C-alpha cells in the first residue's frame, strides 16, 4: 500500500478545543487505536461514512497519527452513542477511494471540504473499510481505554 504523501496535524483549534469537547461529550464517534510504537490507546473524534451497508474511515487532512497507527495495527475500537465495538480495518488502495470520498463529502463536506480542496488526490486521504472483529462468532464489545 503506498504511503499518503501529506503528513498532517489537526489545526490548533481543532486539537485543543473541538476534539476535547467531542471526547468529553461523545458528540462524534470516538476512534480508539493502539499506538504503533507505544501500544498506548489513543482516542480521537472521527467522522464515519456508511456506503452500501459498509462503514469507512477517511482522513481528510492526509496522513495523520491515527491513520498511521490504524495502518500498522489493523484494528480499532469505535464508540458510537455509548456502544464500543472492535473492528478490523483494511486500507483501500487509492483507485478504490473515489466513491467513499464522494460519500464522505456528501455527508461531512461542510466540515471537511477545504481539506479535500487543498489535497485533491485520493492518495493523500488514507481510507479504511471497517469490519466487525468477531470473537466466538460475535462482535467484540469492550473498552479499549487509554
N, C-alpha and C. Protein backbone atom coordinates (compact mmCIF):
# COMPACT_ATOMS: atom_id res chain seq x y z
N UNK A 1 0.85 -1.17 0.00
CA UNK A 1 0.00 0.00 0.00
C UNK A 1 0.90 1.23 0.00
N UNK A 2 0.77 2.12 -0.98
CA UNK A 2 1.62 3.31 -1.00
C UNK A 2 1.25 4.25 0.15
N UNK A 3 2.26 4.88 0.69
CA UNK A 3 2.04 5.85 1.76
C UNK A 3 1.41 7.11 1.17
N UNK A 4 0.54 7.73 1.93
CA UNK A 4 -0.01 9.02 1.51
C UNK A 4 1.13 10.03 1.51
N UNK A 5 1.01 11.02 0.68
CA UNK A 5 2.10 11.97 0.51
C UNK A 5 2.13 13.09 1.53
N UNK A 6 1.04 13.39 2.17
CA UNK A 6 0.97 14.56 3.02
C UNK A 6 0.75 14.15 4.47
N UNK A 7 1.70 14.49 5.32
CA UNK A 7 1.53 14.24 6.75
C UNK A 7 0.86 15.46 7.35
N UNK A 8 -0.06 15.24 8.27
CA UNK A 8 -0.87 16.35 8.76
C UNK A 8 -1.05 16.30 10.27
N UNK A 9 -1.25 17.46 10.81
CA UNK A 9 -1.65 17.64 12.20
C UNK A 9 -2.95 18.42 12.18
N UNK A 10 -3.84 18.16 13.13
CA UNK A 10 -5.07 18.96 13.16
C UNK A 10 -4.73 20.41 13.50
N UNK A 11 -5.53 21.35 13.01
CA UNK A 11 -5.32 22.75 13.41
C UNK A 11 -5.39 22.90 14.93
N UNK A 12 -4.72 23.91 15.46
CA UNK A 12 -4.66 24.13 16.90
C UNK A 12 -6.05 24.13 17.52
N UNK A 13 -6.99 24.87 16.92
CA UNK A 13 -8.34 25.00 17.47
C UNK A 13 -9.03 23.64 17.55
N UNK A 14 -8.88 22.84 16.51
CA UNK A 14 -9.49 21.51 16.49
C UNK A 14 -8.86 20.62 17.56
N UNK A 15 -7.53 20.62 17.60
CA UNK A 15 -6.81 19.75 18.54
C UNK A 15 -7.06 20.14 20.01
N UNK A 16 -7.08 21.43 20.29
CA UNK A 16 -7.13 21.89 21.67
C UNK A 16 -8.51 22.30 22.19
N UNK A 17 -9.45 22.52 21.30
CA UNK A 17 -10.79 22.94 21.72
C UNK A 17 -11.86 21.93 21.27
N UNK A 18 -11.98 21.75 19.97
CA UNK A 18 -13.05 20.92 19.42
C UNK A 18 -12.91 19.45 19.84
N UNK A 19 -11.75 18.84 19.61
CA UNK A 19 -11.58 17.42 19.93
C UNK A 19 -11.81 17.12 21.42
N UNK A 20 -11.24 17.91 22.34
CA UNK A 20 -11.53 17.61 23.76
C UNK A 20 -13.02 17.70 24.09
N UNK A 21 -13.73 18.66 23.49
CA UNK A 21 -15.17 18.76 23.73
C UNK A 21 -15.87 17.50 23.21
N UNK A 22 -15.50 17.08 21.99
CA UNK A 22 -16.12 15.88 21.40
C UNK A 22 -15.81 14.63 22.22
N UNK A 23 -14.57 14.52 22.71
CA UNK A 23 -14.23 13.37 23.54
C UNK A 23 -15.03 13.36 24.84
N UNK A 24 -15.23 14.53 25.41
CA UNK A 24 -15.96 14.64 26.67
C UNK A 24 -17.45 14.38 26.50
N UNK A 25 -18.04 14.90 25.43
CA UNK A 25 -19.49 14.82 25.26
C UNK A 25 -19.95 13.64 24.41
N UNK A 26 -19.03 13.01 23.66
CA UNK A 26 -19.44 11.96 22.74
C UNK A 26 -20.21 12.54 21.56
N UNK A 27 -19.93 13.80 21.22
CA UNK A 27 -20.64 14.49 20.14
C UNK A 27 -20.31 13.96 18.76
N UNK A 28 -19.36 13.06 18.68
CA UNK A 28 -18.99 12.41 17.41
C UNK A 28 -18.53 11.01 17.77
N UNK A 29 -18.51 10.10 16.80
CA UNK A 29 -17.92 8.79 17.08
C UNK A 29 -16.47 8.96 17.55
N UNK A 30 -16.05 8.09 18.46
CA UNK A 30 -14.69 8.14 19.01
C UNK A 30 -13.94 6.91 18.53
N UNK A 31 -12.83 7.15 17.86
CA UNK A 31 -11.94 6.09 17.39
C UNK A 31 -10.86 5.88 18.43
N UNK A 32 -10.66 4.63 18.82
CA UNK A 32 -9.54 4.28 19.69
C UNK A 32 -8.66 3.32 18.92
N UNK A 33 -7.39 3.67 18.83
CA UNK A 33 -6.43 2.83 18.11
C UNK A 33 -5.14 2.79 18.92
N UNK A 34 -4.50 1.64 18.94
CA UNK A 34 -3.24 1.48 19.68
C UNK A 34 -2.10 2.12 18.90
N UNK A 35 -1.20 2.74 19.63
CA UNK A 35 -0.01 3.34 19.02
C UNK A 35 0.86 2.26 18.40
N UNK A 36 1.38 2.53 17.24
CA UNK A 36 2.17 1.54 16.52
C UNK A 36 3.51 1.27 17.19
N UNK A 37 4.00 2.21 17.99
CA UNK A 37 5.27 2.02 18.70
C UNK A 37 5.04 1.81 20.19
N UNK A 38 4.18 2.63 20.79
CA UNK A 38 3.99 2.60 22.24
C UNK A 38 2.99 1.54 22.70
N UNK A 39 2.04 1.18 21.84
CA UNK A 39 0.97 0.28 22.25
C UNK A 39 -0.10 0.96 23.08
N UNK A 40 0.10 2.24 23.38
CA UNK A 40 -0.86 3.01 24.16
C UNK A 40 -2.11 3.25 23.33
N UNK A 41 -3.28 3.26 23.98
CA UNK A 41 -4.54 3.53 23.29
C UNK A 41 -4.71 5.04 23.13
N UNK A 42 -4.97 5.46 21.90
CA UNK A 42 -5.22 6.87 21.59
C UNK A 42 -6.64 7.01 21.10
N UNK A 43 -7.31 8.06 21.58
CA UNK A 43 -8.70 8.31 21.18
C UNK A 43 -8.80 9.61 20.40
N UNK A 44 -9.61 9.59 19.37
CA UNK A 44 -9.85 10.80 18.59
C UNK A 44 -11.27 10.79 18.04
N UNK A 45 -11.94 11.95 18.06
CA UNK A 45 -13.24 12.03 17.41
C UNK A 45 -13.04 11.87 15.90
N UNK A 46 -13.98 11.24 15.26
CA UNK A 46 -13.81 10.96 13.84
C UNK A 46 -15.18 10.88 13.17
N UNK A 47 -15.20 11.23 11.90
CA UNK A 47 -16.43 11.07 11.12
C UNK A 47 -16.38 9.71 10.43
N UNK A 48 -17.50 9.03 10.49
CA UNK A 48 -17.64 7.72 9.86
C UNK A 48 -18.59 7.88 8.68
N UNK A 49 -18.29 7.21 7.59
CA UNK A 49 -19.20 7.24 6.45
C UNK A 49 -19.68 5.82 6.18
N UNK A 50 -20.97 5.70 5.88
CA UNK A 50 -21.54 4.40 5.52
C UNK A 50 -21.91 4.43 4.06
N UNK A 51 -21.54 3.39 3.35
CA UNK A 51 -21.83 3.28 1.93
C UNK A 51 -22.16 1.82 1.63
N UNK A 52 -23.35 1.61 1.11
CA UNK A 52 -23.80 0.26 0.75
C UNK A 52 -23.65 -0.72 1.91
N UNK A 53 -24.03 -0.27 3.10
CA UNK A 53 -24.02 -1.13 4.28
C UNK A 53 -22.66 -1.36 4.91
N UNK A 54 -21.65 -0.67 4.43
CA UNK A 54 -20.28 -0.84 4.94
C UNK A 54 -19.82 0.46 5.58
N UNK A 55 -19.06 0.36 6.68
CA UNK A 55 -18.50 1.55 7.35
C UNK A 55 -17.08 1.80 6.88
N UNK A 56 -16.77 3.11 6.74
CA UNK A 56 -15.44 3.53 6.30
C UNK A 56 -14.97 4.71 7.15
N UNK A 57 -13.65 4.80 7.28
CA UNK A 57 -13.00 5.96 7.85
C UNK A 57 -12.14 6.57 6.76
N UNK A 58 -12.13 7.89 6.69
CA UNK A 58 -11.34 8.59 5.69
C UNK A 58 -10.63 9.74 6.40
N UNK A 59 -9.38 9.94 6.10
CA UNK A 59 -8.61 11.01 6.73
C UNK A 59 -8.59 12.24 5.82
N UNK A 60 -9.41 13.25 6.12
CA UNK A 60 -9.48 14.41 5.24
C UNK A 60 -8.21 15.25 5.22
N UNK A 61 -7.44 15.22 6.30
CA UNK A 61 -6.24 16.06 6.38
C UNK A 61 -4.98 15.38 5.85
N UNK A 62 -5.10 14.16 5.38
CA UNK A 62 -3.93 13.45 4.87
C UNK A 62 -3.44 12.42 5.87
N UNK A 63 -2.16 12.20 5.85
CA UNK A 63 -1.52 11.19 6.70
C UNK A 63 -1.48 11.70 8.13
N UNK A 64 -2.33 11.12 8.99
CA UNK A 64 -2.43 11.55 10.39
C UNK A 64 -1.88 10.47 11.30
N UNK A 65 -1.73 10.81 12.56
CA UNK A 65 -1.25 9.83 13.53
C UNK A 65 -2.22 8.65 13.61
N UNK A 66 -3.53 8.94 13.66
CA UNK A 66 -4.48 7.83 13.77
C UNK A 66 -4.43 6.94 12.53
N UNK A 67 -4.24 7.52 11.34
CA UNK A 67 -4.21 6.69 10.13
C UNK A 67 -2.95 5.83 10.07
N UNK A 68 -1.82 6.37 10.51
CA UNK A 68 -0.58 5.57 10.54
C UNK A 68 -0.70 4.45 11.57
N UNK A 69 -1.29 4.76 12.73
CA UNK A 69 -1.48 3.72 13.75
C UNK A 69 -2.45 2.64 13.26
N UNK A 70 -3.54 3.05 12.63
CA UNK A 70 -4.52 2.09 12.15
C UNK A 70 -3.94 1.21 11.05
N UNK A 71 -3.16 1.79 10.17
CA UNK A 71 -2.50 1.02 9.11
C UNK A 71 -1.58 -0.04 9.74
N UNK A 72 -0.88 0.35 10.79
CA UNK A 72 0.07 -0.55 11.42
C UNK A 72 -0.60 -1.66 12.23
N UNK A 73 -1.62 -1.31 13.01
CA UNK A 73 -2.23 -2.30 13.90
C UNK A 73 -3.35 -3.10 13.24
N UNK A 74 -4.06 -2.47 12.29
CA UNK A 74 -5.15 -3.16 11.60
C UNK A 74 -6.40 -3.37 12.42
N UNK A 75 -6.46 -2.78 13.62
CA UNK A 75 -7.67 -2.89 14.41
C UNK A 75 -7.91 -1.62 15.20
N UNK A 76 -9.18 -1.39 15.50
CA UNK A 76 -9.56 -0.20 16.25
C UNK A 76 -10.88 -0.46 16.96
N UNK A 77 -11.20 0.44 17.86
CA UNK A 77 -12.47 0.41 18.54
C UNK A 77 -13.19 1.69 18.16
N UNK A 78 -14.46 1.57 17.90
CA UNK A 78 -15.27 2.72 17.52
C UNK A 78 -16.43 2.82 18.50
N UNK A 79 -16.52 3.96 19.15
CA UNK A 79 -17.59 4.19 20.12
C UNK A 79 -18.59 5.16 19.52
N UNK A 80 -19.81 4.66 19.35
CA UNK A 80 -20.89 5.48 18.80
C UNK A 80 -22.07 5.41 19.75
N UNK A 81 -22.49 6.57 20.24
CA UNK A 81 -23.63 6.66 21.15
C UNK A 81 -23.50 5.69 22.33
N UNK A 82 -22.32 5.62 22.91
CA UNK A 82 -22.10 4.81 24.09
C UNK A 82 -21.76 3.35 23.84
N UNK A 83 -21.92 2.87 22.60
CA UNK A 83 -21.59 1.48 22.29
C UNK A 83 -20.23 1.41 21.61
N UNK A 84 -19.34 0.62 22.16
CA UNK A 84 -17.99 0.49 21.62
C UNK A 84 -17.82 -0.89 21.01
N UNK A 85 -17.35 -0.92 19.76
CA UNK A 85 -17.19 -2.16 19.02
C UNK A 85 -15.79 -2.22 18.43
N UNK A 86 -15.20 -3.40 18.49
CA UNK A 86 -13.87 -3.62 17.89
C UNK A 86 -14.04 -3.93 16.40
N UNK A 87 -13.16 -3.34 15.60
CA UNK A 87 -13.18 -3.55 14.15
C UNK A 87 -11.81 -3.93 13.63
N UNK A 88 -11.82 -4.69 12.55
CA UNK A 88 -10.62 -4.89 11.73
C UNK A 88 -10.68 -3.80 10.67
N UNK A 89 -9.55 -3.25 10.33
CA UNK A 89 -9.51 -2.17 9.34
C UNK A 89 -8.63 -2.59 8.18
N UNK A 90 -9.13 -2.37 6.98
CA UNK A 90 -8.38 -2.66 5.76
C UNK A 90 -8.26 -1.37 4.97
N UNK A 91 -7.03 -0.96 4.70
CA UNK A 91 -6.83 0.26 3.93
C UNK A 91 -7.12 -0.01 2.46
N UNK A 92 -7.86 0.90 1.86
CA UNK A 92 -8.20 0.77 0.44
C UNK A 92 -7.12 1.41 -0.42
N UNK A 93 -6.83 0.81 -1.57
CA UNK A 93 -5.88 1.45 -2.48
C UNK A 93 -6.50 2.73 -3.05
N UNK A 94 -5.67 3.70 -3.42
CA UNK A 94 -6.18 4.99 -3.91
C UNK A 94 -7.22 4.88 -5.02
N UNK A 95 -7.09 3.91 -5.91
CA UNK A 95 -8.03 3.79 -7.03
C UNK A 95 -9.43 3.35 -6.58
N UNK A 96 -9.58 2.87 -5.34
CA UNK A 96 -10.90 2.47 -4.82
C UNK A 96 -11.51 3.50 -3.88
N UNK A 97 -10.82 4.59 -3.64
CA UNK A 97 -11.27 5.56 -2.64
C UNK A 97 -12.31 6.55 -3.15
N UNK A 98 -12.41 6.76 -4.44
CA UNK A 98 -13.29 7.78 -5.01
C UNK A 98 -14.71 7.75 -4.51
N UNK A 99 -15.43 6.61 -4.58
CA UNK A 99 -16.81 6.58 -4.11
C UNK A 99 -16.94 6.84 -2.61
N UNK A 100 -15.96 6.40 -1.84
CA UNK A 100 -16.02 6.61 -0.39
C UNK A 100 -15.79 8.08 -0.09
N UNK A 101 -14.81 8.69 -0.76
CA UNK A 101 -14.55 10.13 -0.57
C UNK A 101 -15.77 10.94 -0.98
N UNK A 102 -16.42 10.57 -2.09
CA UNK A 102 -17.62 11.29 -2.53
C UNK A 102 -18.73 11.18 -1.47
N UNK A 103 -18.93 9.99 -0.91
CA UNK A 103 -19.95 9.80 0.12
C UNK A 103 -19.57 10.58 1.39
N UNK A 104 -18.30 10.58 1.71
CA UNK A 104 -17.79 11.32 2.87
C UNK A 104 -18.08 12.81 2.70
N UNK A 105 -17.77 13.34 1.51
CA UNK A 105 -18.02 14.76 1.26
C UNK A 105 -19.51 15.09 1.25
N UNK A 106 -20.32 14.17 0.74
CA UNK A 106 -21.77 14.40 0.74
C UNK A 106 -22.29 14.50 2.17
N UNK A 107 -21.73 13.72 3.07
CA UNK A 107 -22.19 13.71 4.47
C UNK A 107 -21.48 14.75 5.33
N UNK A 108 -20.17 14.89 5.18
CA UNK A 108 -19.36 15.70 6.08
C UNK A 108 -18.65 16.86 5.38
N UNK A 109 -18.97 17.13 4.15
CA UNK A 109 -18.28 18.17 3.37
C UNK A 109 -18.33 19.55 3.97
N UNK A 110 -19.42 19.87 4.68
CA UNK A 110 -19.49 21.21 5.26
C UNK A 110 -18.38 21.43 6.30
N UNK A 111 -17.87 20.35 6.92
CA UNK A 111 -16.76 20.48 7.87
C UNK A 111 -15.40 20.20 7.24
N UNK A 112 -15.35 19.45 6.13
CA UNK A 112 -14.06 18.97 5.63
C UNK A 112 -13.73 19.32 4.18
N UNK A 113 -14.63 20.01 3.49
CA UNK A 113 -14.42 20.28 2.06
C UNK A 113 -13.09 20.99 1.79
N UNK A 114 -12.73 21.96 2.63
CA UNK A 114 -11.49 22.71 2.42
C UNK A 114 -10.27 21.78 2.41
N UNK A 115 -10.29 20.74 3.25
CA UNK A 115 -9.17 19.79 3.28
C UNK A 115 -9.05 19.05 1.96
N UNK A 116 -10.18 18.68 1.37
CA UNK A 116 -10.15 17.95 0.10
C UNK A 116 -9.82 18.87 -1.07
N UNK A 117 -10.16 20.15 -0.96
CA UNK A 117 -9.75 21.10 -2.00
C UNK A 117 -8.25 21.33 -1.94
N UNK A 118 -7.70 21.37 -0.74
CA UNK A 118 -6.24 21.55 -0.56
C UNK A 118 -5.48 20.30 -1.00
N UNK A 119 -6.08 19.13 -0.80
CA UNK A 119 -5.46 17.85 -1.15
C UNK A 119 -6.42 17.08 -2.05
N UNK A 120 -6.48 17.37 -3.33
CA UNK A 120 -7.49 16.74 -4.19
C UNK A 120 -7.19 15.30 -4.61
N UNK A 121 -5.96 14.82 -4.46
CA UNK A 121 -5.59 13.48 -4.90
C UNK A 121 -5.99 12.44 -3.86
N UNK A 122 -6.77 11.41 -4.24
CA UNK A 122 -7.17 10.36 -3.27
C UNK A 122 -6.00 9.69 -2.56
N UNK A 123 -4.81 9.68 -3.16
CA UNK A 123 -3.67 9.07 -2.49
C UNK A 123 -3.35 9.77 -1.17
N UNK A 124 -3.76 11.04 -1.05
CA UNK A 124 -3.48 11.82 0.15
C UNK A 124 -4.47 11.59 1.28
N UNK A 125 -5.46 10.73 1.07
CA UNK A 125 -6.51 10.52 2.07
C UNK A 125 -6.61 9.04 2.44
N UNK A 126 -5.81 8.58 3.42
CA UNK A 126 -5.94 7.19 3.85
C UNK A 126 -7.40 6.88 4.15
N UNK A 127 -7.87 5.78 3.59
CA UNK A 127 -9.27 5.39 3.70
C UNK A 127 -9.32 3.91 4.09
N UNK A 128 -10.13 3.60 5.10
CA UNK A 128 -10.17 2.25 5.66
C UNK A 128 -11.59 1.72 5.68
N UNK A 129 -11.75 0.47 5.28
CA UNK A 129 -13.02 -0.25 5.44
C UNK A 129 -12.99 -0.91 6.81
N UNK A 130 -14.07 -0.80 7.56
CA UNK A 130 -14.16 -1.39 8.89
C UNK A 130 -15.06 -2.60 8.86
N UNK A 131 -14.58 -3.69 9.44
CA UNK A 131 -15.37 -4.91 9.55
C UNK A 131 -15.33 -5.35 11.01
N UNK A 132 -16.50 -5.67 11.58
CA UNK A 132 -16.50 -6.09 12.99
C UNK A 132 -15.53 -7.25 13.21
N UNK A 133 -14.77 -7.15 14.28
CA UNK A 133 -13.83 -8.21 14.64
C UNK A 133 -14.56 -9.18 15.54
N UNK A 134 -14.83 -10.36 15.05
CA UNK A 134 -15.61 -11.33 15.80
C UNK A 134 -14.79 -12.07 16.82
N UNK A 135 -15.42 -12.39 17.93
CA UNK A 135 -14.85 -13.25 18.95
C UNK A 135 -15.92 -14.28 19.27
N UNK A 136 -15.66 -15.51 18.94
CA UNK A 136 -16.65 -16.56 19.18
C UNK A 136 -17.92 -16.33 18.38
N UNK A 137 -17.76 -15.75 17.18
CA UNK A 137 -18.90 -15.53 16.32
C UNK A 137 -19.68 -14.26 16.62
N UNK A 138 -19.25 -13.49 17.63
CA UNK A 138 -19.94 -12.25 17.96
C UNK A 138 -18.95 -11.09 17.89
N UNK A 139 -19.50 -9.89 17.70
CA UNK A 139 -18.65 -8.70 17.72
C UNK A 139 -18.11 -8.53 19.12
N UNK A 140 -16.82 -8.19 19.19
CA UNK A 140 -16.22 -7.93 20.50
C UNK A 140 -16.60 -6.52 20.94
N UNK A 141 -17.18 -6.41 22.10
CA UNK A 141 -17.52 -5.09 22.63
C UNK A 141 -16.85 -4.94 23.99
N UNK A 142 -15.95 -3.99 24.06
CA UNK A 142 -15.28 -3.70 25.32
C UNK A 142 -14.59 -2.35 25.21
N UNK A 143 -14.15 -1.88 26.31
CA UNK A 143 -13.45 -0.60 26.34
C UNK A 143 -11.98 -0.87 26.08
N UNK A 144 -11.43 -0.12 25.13
CA UNK A 144 -10.02 -0.25 24.78
C UNK A 144 -9.21 0.83 25.46
N UNK A 145 -9.74 1.36 26.52
CA UNK A 145 -9.29 2.54 27.23
C UNK A 145 -7.86 2.96 27.12
N UNK A 146 -7.64 4.22 27.36
CA UNK A 146 -6.29 4.79 27.31
C UNK A 146 -5.39 4.26 28.39
